[in-house]
Amino acid sequence: MCKRPGTAAQAPPPAVGDAWQKLMIHAGEDARHGRHALHPILVRRLREAGAAGATILRAVWGLTGAPRPHADHPLSLRRRVPMVTVVVDSAERISRWYEIVDELTATAGLVTCEHVPAHRTAGGGAELGSLVL
């Protein structure tokens, strides 16, 4: 865990060999940065900084320790579903992306980082990573 809502715990772990890392930002769909929704602005800022890609996953149900789970309800005026933004890249680049994530998740969001045991990308004449564990 790198950060709990509003509280930094530690920076992403250092690289182990040429292993890749996965940075995950967990927050509700209603999480904001200023006046804007957190997840789309996070992806936009990562893209502007040169990240190869990011994925936003929307869940249908979540539990955070509050008395009631949060989910989408048909008559609800606002959505409270959990969402996760995932970025996979080299450890060096994840360290750069973490600075952006840290800034945008000052008040909301759980940020985790872990090693990806195997990752391989091929295309456009480039091959990165390996499938060796």
N, C-alpha and C. Protein backbone atom coordinates (compact mmCIF):
# COMPACT_ATOMS: atom_id res chain seq x y z
N MET A 1 0.85 -1.17 0.00
CA MET A 1 0.00 0.00 0.00
C MET A 1 0.90 1.24 0.00
N CYS A 2 0.59 2.13 -0.89
CA CYS A 2 1.34 3.38 -0.98
C CYS A 2 0.65 4.53 -0.27
N LYS A 3 -0.69 4.50 -0.28
CA LYS A 3 -1.41 5.65 0.26
C LYS A 3 -2.83 5.25 0.61
N ARG A 4 -3.28 5.68 1.78
CA ARG A 4 -4.68 5.57 2.15
C ARG A 4 -5.30 6.93 1.92
N PRO A 5 -6.61 7.04 1.90
CA PRO A 5 -7.22 8.34 1.61
C PRO A 5 -6.63 9.48 2.43
N GLY A 6 -5.87 10.33 1.73
CA GLY A 6 -5.30 11.50 2.36
C GLY A 6 -4.03 11.27 3.16
N THR A 7 -3.58 10.02 3.33
CA THR A 7 -2.41 9.73 4.14
C THR A 7 -1.41 8.89 3.34
N ALA A 8 -0.23 9.43 3.10
CA ALA A 8 0.80 8.70 2.38
C ALA A 8 1.42 7.66 3.30
N ALA A 9 1.64 6.44 2.79
CA ALA A 9 2.26 5.38 3.58
C ALA A 9 3.71 5.19 3.13
N GLN A 10 3.92 4.96 1.84
CA GLN A 10 5.27 4.80 1.30
C GLN A 10 5.22 4.93 -0.21
N ALA A 11 6.35 5.23 -0.80
CA ALA A 11 6.45 5.32 -2.26
C ALA A 11 6.43 3.91 -2.84
N PRO A 12 6.21 3.77 -4.16
CA PRO A 12 6.26 2.44 -4.77
C PRO A 12 7.58 1.75 -4.48
N PRO A 13 7.58 0.42 -4.34
CA PRO A 13 8.81 -0.30 -4.03
C PRO A 13 9.83 -0.19 -5.16
N PRO A 14 11.11 -0.34 -4.84
CA PRO A 14 12.14 -0.25 -5.89
C PRO A 14 12.05 -1.44 -6.85
N ALA A 15 12.67 -1.29 -7.99
CA ALA A 15 12.64 -2.33 -9.02
C ALA A 15 13.37 -3.58 -8.55
N VAL A 16 12.88 -4.72 -8.99
CA VAL A 16 13.53 -6.00 -8.76
C VAL A 16 13.88 -6.55 -10.14
N GLY A 17 15.16 -6.45 -10.52
CA GLY A 17 15.56 -6.87 -11.85
C GLY A 17 14.89 -5.99 -12.89
N ASP A 18 14.33 -6.62 -13.92
CA ASP A 18 13.60 -5.86 -14.93
C ASP A 18 12.10 -6.07 -14.81
N ALA A 19 11.65 -6.40 -13.58
CA ALA A 19 10.23 -6.63 -13.34
C ALA A 19 9.43 -5.35 -13.55
N TRP A 20 8.21 -5.51 -13.95
CA TRP A 20 7.30 -4.39 -14.13
C TRP A 20 6.47 -4.23 -12.87
N GLN A 21 5.78 -3.11 -12.76
CA GLN A 21 4.94 -2.85 -11.60
C GLN A 21 3.54 -2.44 -12.03
N LYS A 22 2.60 -2.71 -11.13
CA LYS A 22 1.20 -2.34 -11.36
C LYS A 22 0.80 -1.35 -10.28
N LEU A 23 0.39 -0.17 -10.69
CA LEU A 23 -0.08 0.88 -9.79
C LEU A 23 -1.60 0.91 -9.90
N MET A 24 -2.28 0.79 -8.75
CA MET A 24 -3.74 0.76 -8.75
C MET A 24 -4.29 1.85 -7.84
N ILE A 25 -5.27 2.60 -8.35
CA ILE A 25 -5.90 3.67 -7.59
C ILE A 25 -7.36 3.28 -7.38
N HIS A 26 -7.74 3.03 -6.13
CA HIS A 26 -9.10 2.62 -5.78
C HIS A 26 -9.83 3.82 -5.21
N ALA A 27 -10.96 4.17 -5.79
CA ALA A 27 -11.78 5.27 -5.27
C ALA A 27 -13.19 5.12 -5.83
N GLY A 28 -14.13 5.73 -5.18
CA GLY A 28 -15.51 5.68 -5.67
C GLY A 28 -15.68 6.53 -6.91
N GLU A 29 -16.74 6.26 -7.64
CA GLU A 29 -17.02 7.04 -8.84
C GLU A 29 -17.29 8.50 -8.50
N ASP A 30 -17.72 8.75 -7.28
CA ASP A 30 -18.00 10.12 -6.88
C ASP A 30 -16.76 10.86 -6.35
N ALA A 31 -15.59 10.22 -6.36
CA ALA A 31 -14.35 10.88 -5.91
C ALA A 31 -14.01 12.03 -6.86
N ARG A 32 -13.56 13.13 -6.31
CA ARG A 32 -13.29 14.33 -7.11
C ARG A 32 -11.87 14.83 -6.87
N HIS A 33 -11.38 15.53 -7.87
CA HIS A 33 -10.18 16.36 -7.73
C HIS A 33 -10.61 17.75 -8.17
N GLY A 34 -10.79 18.62 -7.21
CA GLY A 34 -11.39 19.92 -7.54
C GLY A 34 -12.83 19.71 -7.93
N ARG A 35 -13.21 20.23 -9.09
CA ARG A 35 -14.59 20.08 -9.57
C ARG A 35 -14.76 18.88 -10.50
N HIS A 36 -13.67 18.18 -10.82
CA HIS A 36 -13.72 17.13 -11.82
C HIS A 36 -13.66 15.74 -11.20
N ALA A 37 -14.24 14.77 -11.88
CA ALA A 37 -14.17 13.37 -11.44
C ALA A 37 -12.72 12.93 -11.44
N LEU A 38 -12.32 12.18 -10.41
CA LEU A 38 -10.92 11.79 -10.23
C LEU A 38 -10.38 10.91 -11.35
N HIS A 39 -11.07 9.85 -11.69
CA HIS A 39 -10.50 8.85 -12.61
C HIS A 39 -10.23 9.38 -14.02
N PRO A 40 -11.16 10.08 -14.65
CA PRO A 40 -10.84 10.60 -15.99
C PRO A 40 -9.69 11.62 -15.99
N ILE A 41 -9.64 12.48 -14.97
CA ILE A 41 -8.56 13.46 -14.92
C ILE A 41 -7.22 12.77 -14.65
N LEU A 42 -7.26 11.69 -13.88
CA LEU A 42 -6.06 10.91 -13.61
C LEU A 42 -5.50 10.31 -14.90
N VAL A 43 -6.37 9.70 -15.69
CA VAL A 43 -5.93 9.11 -16.97
C VAL A 43 -5.44 10.19 -17.92
N ARG A 44 -6.12 11.33 -17.96
CA ARG A 44 -5.67 12.42 -18.84
C ARG A 44 -4.28 12.92 -18.45
N ARG A 45 -4.06 13.13 -17.16
CA ARG A 45 -2.74 13.61 -16.70
C ARG A 45 -1.65 12.57 -16.96
N LEU A 46 -1.94 11.29 -16.74
CA LEU A 46 -0.96 10.24 -17.02
C LEU A 46 -0.62 10.20 -18.51
N ARG A 47 -1.61 10.35 -19.34
CA ARG A 47 -1.39 10.35 -20.79
C ARG A 47 -0.54 11.54 -21.21
N GLU A 48 -0.83 12.72 -20.66
CA GLU A 48 -0.04 13.91 -20.96
C GLU A 48 1.41 13.75 -20.53
N ALA A 49 1.64 12.97 -19.46
CA ALA A 49 3.00 12.76 -18.95
C ALA A 49 3.74 11.66 -19.71
N GLY A 50 3.05 10.97 -20.62
CA GLY A 50 3.72 9.97 -21.44
C GLY A 50 3.47 8.53 -21.06
N ALA A 51 2.52 8.27 -20.18
CA ALA A 51 2.21 6.88 -19.82
C ALA A 51 1.68 6.15 -21.05
N ALA A 52 2.08 4.88 -21.17
CA ALA A 52 1.66 4.09 -22.33
C ALA A 52 0.18 3.77 -22.30
N GLY A 53 -0.40 3.67 -21.11
CA GLY A 53 -1.83 3.38 -21.03
C GLY A 53 -2.28 3.22 -19.59
N ALA A 54 -3.57 3.27 -19.42
CA ALA A 54 -4.20 3.07 -18.11
C ALA A 54 -5.59 2.53 -18.37
N THR A 55 -6.10 1.77 -17.43
CA THR A 55 -7.43 1.18 -17.56
C THR A 55 -8.26 1.56 -16.35
N ILE A 56 -9.50 1.98 -16.59
CA ILE A 56 -10.43 2.27 -15.50
C ILE A 56 -11.46 1.16 -15.48
N LEU A 57 -11.62 0.53 -14.31
CA LEU A 57 -12.60 -0.54 -14.14
C LEU A 57 -13.68 -0.05 -13.18
N ARG A 58 -14.94 -0.24 -13.57
CA ARG A 58 -16.06 0.17 -12.72
C ARG A 58 -16.71 -1.10 -12.16
N ALA A 59 -16.86 -1.14 -10.84
CA ALA A 59 -17.48 -2.30 -10.20
C ALA A 59 -18.98 -2.07 -10.06
N VAL A 60 -19.69 -3.09 -9.64
CA VAL A 60 -21.12 -2.95 -9.41
C VAL A 60 -21.46 -2.93 -7.93
N TRP A 61 -20.50 -3.33 -7.08
CA TRP A 61 -20.77 -3.42 -5.67
C TRP A 61 -19.45 -3.28 -4.92
N GLY A 62 -19.44 -2.63 -3.77
CA GLY A 62 -18.21 -2.50 -3.00
C GLY A 62 -18.48 -2.37 -1.52
N LEU A 63 -17.49 -2.71 -0.73
CA LEU A 63 -17.59 -2.64 0.71
C LEU A 63 -16.33 -1.96 1.23
N THR A 64 -16.49 -0.92 2.03
CA THR A 64 -15.34 -0.15 2.52
C THR A 64 -15.22 -0.13 4.03
N GLY A 65 -16.01 -0.87 4.72
CA GLY A 65 -15.99 -0.82 6.18
C GLY A 65 -17.12 0.04 6.72
N ALA A 66 -17.81 0.77 5.84
CA ALA A 66 -18.98 1.52 6.25
C ALA A 66 -20.09 0.52 6.56
N PRO A 67 -21.10 0.93 7.31
CA PRO A 67 -22.16 -0.02 7.67
C PRO A 67 -22.84 -0.68 6.47
N ARG A 68 -23.01 0.09 5.40
CA ARG A 68 -23.69 -0.47 4.23
C ARG A 68 -22.74 -0.52 3.04
N PRO A 69 -22.81 -1.60 2.25
CA PRO A 69 -22.04 -1.63 1.00
C PRO A 69 -22.54 -0.55 0.06
N HIS A 70 -21.69 -0.09 -0.84
CA HIS A 70 -22.14 0.91 -1.80
C HIS A 70 -22.26 0.27 -3.17
N ALA A 71 -23.29 0.71 -3.87
CA ALA A 71 -23.61 0.13 -5.18
C ALA A 71 -24.46 1.12 -5.96
N ASP A 72 -24.78 0.73 -7.16
CA ASP A 72 -25.66 1.50 -8.01
C ASP A 72 -27.11 1.16 -7.65
N HIS A 73 -27.90 2.16 -7.37
CA HIS A 73 -29.31 1.94 -7.07
C HIS A 73 -30.15 2.67 -8.12
N PRO A 74 -31.21 2.04 -8.61
CA PRO A 74 -31.99 2.62 -9.71
C PRO A 74 -32.54 4.01 -9.43
N LEU A 75 -32.98 4.29 -8.22
CA LEU A 75 -33.60 5.58 -7.93
C LEU A 75 -32.63 6.58 -7.31
N SER A 76 -31.36 6.24 -7.27
CA SER A 76 -30.35 7.11 -6.67
C SER A 76 -30.03 8.28 -7.59
N LEU A 77 -29.80 9.46 -7.01
CA LEU A 77 -29.46 10.63 -7.80
C LEU A 77 -27.97 10.69 -8.12
N ARG A 78 -27.16 10.00 -7.35
CA ARG A 78 -25.72 9.97 -7.64
C ARG A 78 -25.21 8.54 -7.57
N ARG A 79 -24.14 8.30 -8.29
CA ARG A 79 -23.56 6.96 -8.34
C ARG A 79 -22.50 6.84 -7.27
N ARG A 80 -22.46 5.69 -6.62
CA ARG A 80 -21.47 5.46 -5.57
C ARG A 80 -20.74 4.15 -5.79
N VAL A 81 -20.54 3.75 -7.02
CA VAL A 81 -19.87 2.48 -7.28
C VAL A 81 -18.36 2.63 -7.15
N PRO A 82 -17.67 1.56 -6.75
CA PRO A 82 -16.22 1.62 -6.67
C PRO A 82 -15.59 1.56 -8.06
N MET A 83 -14.46 2.24 -8.19
CA MET A 83 -13.73 2.23 -9.46
C MET A 83 -12.25 2.04 -9.17
N VAL A 84 -11.54 1.44 -10.12
CA VAL A 84 -10.10 1.21 -9.99
C VAL A 84 -9.44 1.65 -11.28
N THR A 85 -8.39 2.46 -11.16
CA THR A 85 -7.56 2.82 -12.31
C THR A 85 -6.27 2.02 -12.18
N VAL A 86 -5.88 1.33 -13.27
CA VAL A 86 -4.71 0.45 -13.25
C VAL A 86 -3.71 0.92 -14.29
N VAL A 87 -2.43 1.03 -13.88
CA VAL A 87 -1.34 1.40 -14.78
C VAL A 87 -0.24 0.35 -14.59
N VAL A 88 0.23 -0.26 -15.70
CA VAL A 88 1.33 -1.22 -15.64
C VAL A 88 2.47 -0.66 -16.48
N ASP A 89 3.66 -0.59 -15.87
CA ASP A 89 4.82 -0.05 -16.58
C ASP A 89 6.09 -0.45 -15.83
N SER A 90 7.23 0.00 -16.31
CA SER A 90 8.50 -0.29 -15.64
C SER A 90 8.52 0.43 -14.29
N ALA A 91 9.34 -0.06 -13.37
CA ALA A 91 9.42 0.54 -12.03
C ALA A 91 9.86 2.00 -12.10
N GLU A 92 10.78 2.29 -12.99
CA GLU A 92 11.27 3.67 -13.14
C GLU A 92 10.13 4.61 -13.54
N ARG A 93 9.32 4.18 -14.51
CA ARG A 93 8.23 5.03 -14.98
C ARG A 93 7.10 5.10 -13.95
N ILE A 94 6.84 4.00 -13.24
CA ILE A 94 5.81 4.01 -12.19
C ILE A 94 6.16 5.04 -11.12
N SER A 95 7.45 5.18 -10.80
CA SER A 95 7.87 6.20 -9.82
C SER A 95 7.49 7.59 -10.29
N ARG A 96 7.62 7.85 -11.60
CA ARG A 96 7.23 9.16 -12.15
C ARG A 96 5.72 9.33 -12.11
N TRP A 97 4.99 8.27 -12.46
CA TRP A 97 3.52 8.36 -12.49
C TRP A 97 2.98 8.51 -11.07
N TYR A 98 3.69 7.96 -10.08
CA TYR A 98 3.22 8.06 -8.71
C TYR A 98 3.15 9.51 -8.23
N GLU A 99 4.05 10.35 -8.70
CA GLU A 99 4.01 11.76 -8.31
C GLU A 99 2.69 12.40 -8.75
N ILE A 100 2.22 12.05 -9.94
CA ILE A 100 0.95 12.57 -10.45
C ILE A 100 -0.20 12.01 -9.61
N VAL A 101 -0.17 10.70 -9.37
CA VAL A 101 -1.22 10.04 -8.60
C VAL A 101 -1.28 10.62 -7.18
N ASP A 102 -0.12 10.83 -6.58
CA ASP A 102 -0.06 11.38 -5.22
C ASP A 102 -0.71 12.76 -5.16
N GLU A 103 -0.45 13.58 -6.15
CA GLU A 103 -1.04 14.92 -6.20
C GLU A 103 -2.57 14.85 -6.34
N LEU A 104 -3.06 13.98 -7.22
CA LEU A 104 -4.49 13.93 -7.50
C LEU A 104 -5.30 13.21 -6.42
N THR A 105 -4.65 12.39 -5.61
CA THR A 105 -5.36 11.64 -4.58
C THR A 105 -5.08 12.21 -3.19
N ALA A 106 -4.95 13.51 -3.12
CA ALA A 106 -4.63 14.16 -1.83
C ALA A 106 -5.71 13.92 -0.78
N THR A 107 -6.97 13.83 -1.19
CA THR A 107 -8.05 13.67 -0.22
C THR A 107 -8.85 12.39 -0.39
N ALA A 108 -8.70 11.70 -1.49
CA ALA A 108 -9.50 10.48 -1.73
C ALA A 108 -8.67 9.45 -2.47
N GLY A 109 -8.95 8.19 -2.21
CA GLY A 109 -8.33 7.13 -2.98
C GLY A 109 -7.32 6.32 -2.20
N LEU A 110 -7.36 5.02 -2.40
CA LEU A 110 -6.39 4.08 -1.87
C LEU A 110 -5.47 3.72 -3.02
N VAL A 111 -4.16 3.88 -2.83
CA VAL A 111 -3.19 3.63 -3.90
C VAL A 111 -2.32 2.45 -3.49
N THR A 112 -2.23 1.44 -4.36
CA THR A 112 -1.39 0.29 -4.10
C THR A 112 -0.44 0.09 -5.27
N CYS A 113 0.69 -0.55 -5.01
CA CYS A 113 1.66 -0.84 -6.05
C CYS A 113 2.25 -2.23 -5.78
N GLU A 114 2.36 -3.03 -6.81
CA GLU A 114 2.92 -4.36 -6.65
C GLU A 114 3.69 -4.75 -7.89
N HIS A 115 4.58 -5.71 -7.73
CA HIS A 115 5.36 -6.21 -8.86
C HIS A 115 4.48 -7.09 -9.74
N VAL A 116 4.68 -7.01 -11.03
CA VAL A 116 4.00 -7.88 -11.99
C VAL A 116 4.99 -8.99 -12.30
N PRO A 117 4.67 -10.24 -11.95
CA PRO A 117 5.66 -11.30 -12.11
C PRO A 117 6.05 -11.58 -13.55
N ALA A 118 5.16 -11.37 -14.49
CA ALA A 118 5.51 -11.60 -15.89
C ALA A 118 4.71 -10.63 -16.75
N HIS A 119 5.38 -10.00 -17.68
CA HIS A 119 4.73 -9.04 -18.56
C HIS A 119 5.53 -8.97 -19.85
N ARG A 120 4.84 -9.01 -20.97
CA ARG A 120 5.54 -8.91 -22.24
C ARG A 120 4.71 -8.08 -23.20
N THR A 121 5.34 -7.13 -23.83
CA THR A 121 4.68 -6.28 -24.81
C THR A 121 5.44 -6.39 -26.11
N ALA A 122 4.74 -6.58 -27.20
CA ALA A 122 5.38 -6.63 -28.51
C ALA A 122 4.50 -5.87 -29.50
N GLY A 123 5.14 -5.12 -30.37
CA GLY A 123 4.40 -4.39 -31.36
C GLY A 123 5.18 -3.16 -31.79
N GLY A 124 4.97 -2.74 -33.00
CA GLY A 124 5.65 -1.56 -33.50
C GLY A 124 7.17 -1.72 -33.55
N GLY A 125 7.64 -2.96 -33.73
CA GLY A 125 9.06 -3.20 -33.81
C GLY A 125 9.79 -3.24 -32.48
N ALA A 126 9.07 -3.16 -31.36
CA ALA A 126 9.71 -3.18 -30.05
C ALA A 126 9.20 -4.35 -29.24
N GLU A 127 10.08 -4.95 -28.46
CA GLU A 127 9.70 -6.00 -27.54
C GLU A 127 10.23 -5.64 -26.17
N LEU A 128 9.34 -5.61 -25.18
CA LEU A 128 9.70 -5.23 -23.81
C LEU A 128 9.33 -6.33 -22.86
N GLY A 129 10.13 -6.55 -21.82
CA GLY A 129 9.81 -7.52 -20.79
C GLY A 129 10.04 -8.94 -21.26
N SER A 130 9.66 -9.88 -20.40
CA SER A 130 9.77 -11.30 -20.74
C SER A 130 8.71 -12.06 -19.97
N LEU A 131 8.56 -13.33 -20.29
CA LEU A 131 7.60 -14.16 -19.59
C LEU A 131 8.30 -15.07 -18.59
N VAL A 132 9.59 -14.84 -18.35
CA VAL A 132 10.35 -15.62 -17.39
C VAL A 132 10.03 -15.11 -15.99
N LEU A 133 9.65 -16.02 -15.10
CA LEU A 133 9.32 -15.61 -13.74
C LEU A 133 10.53 -15.67 -12.85
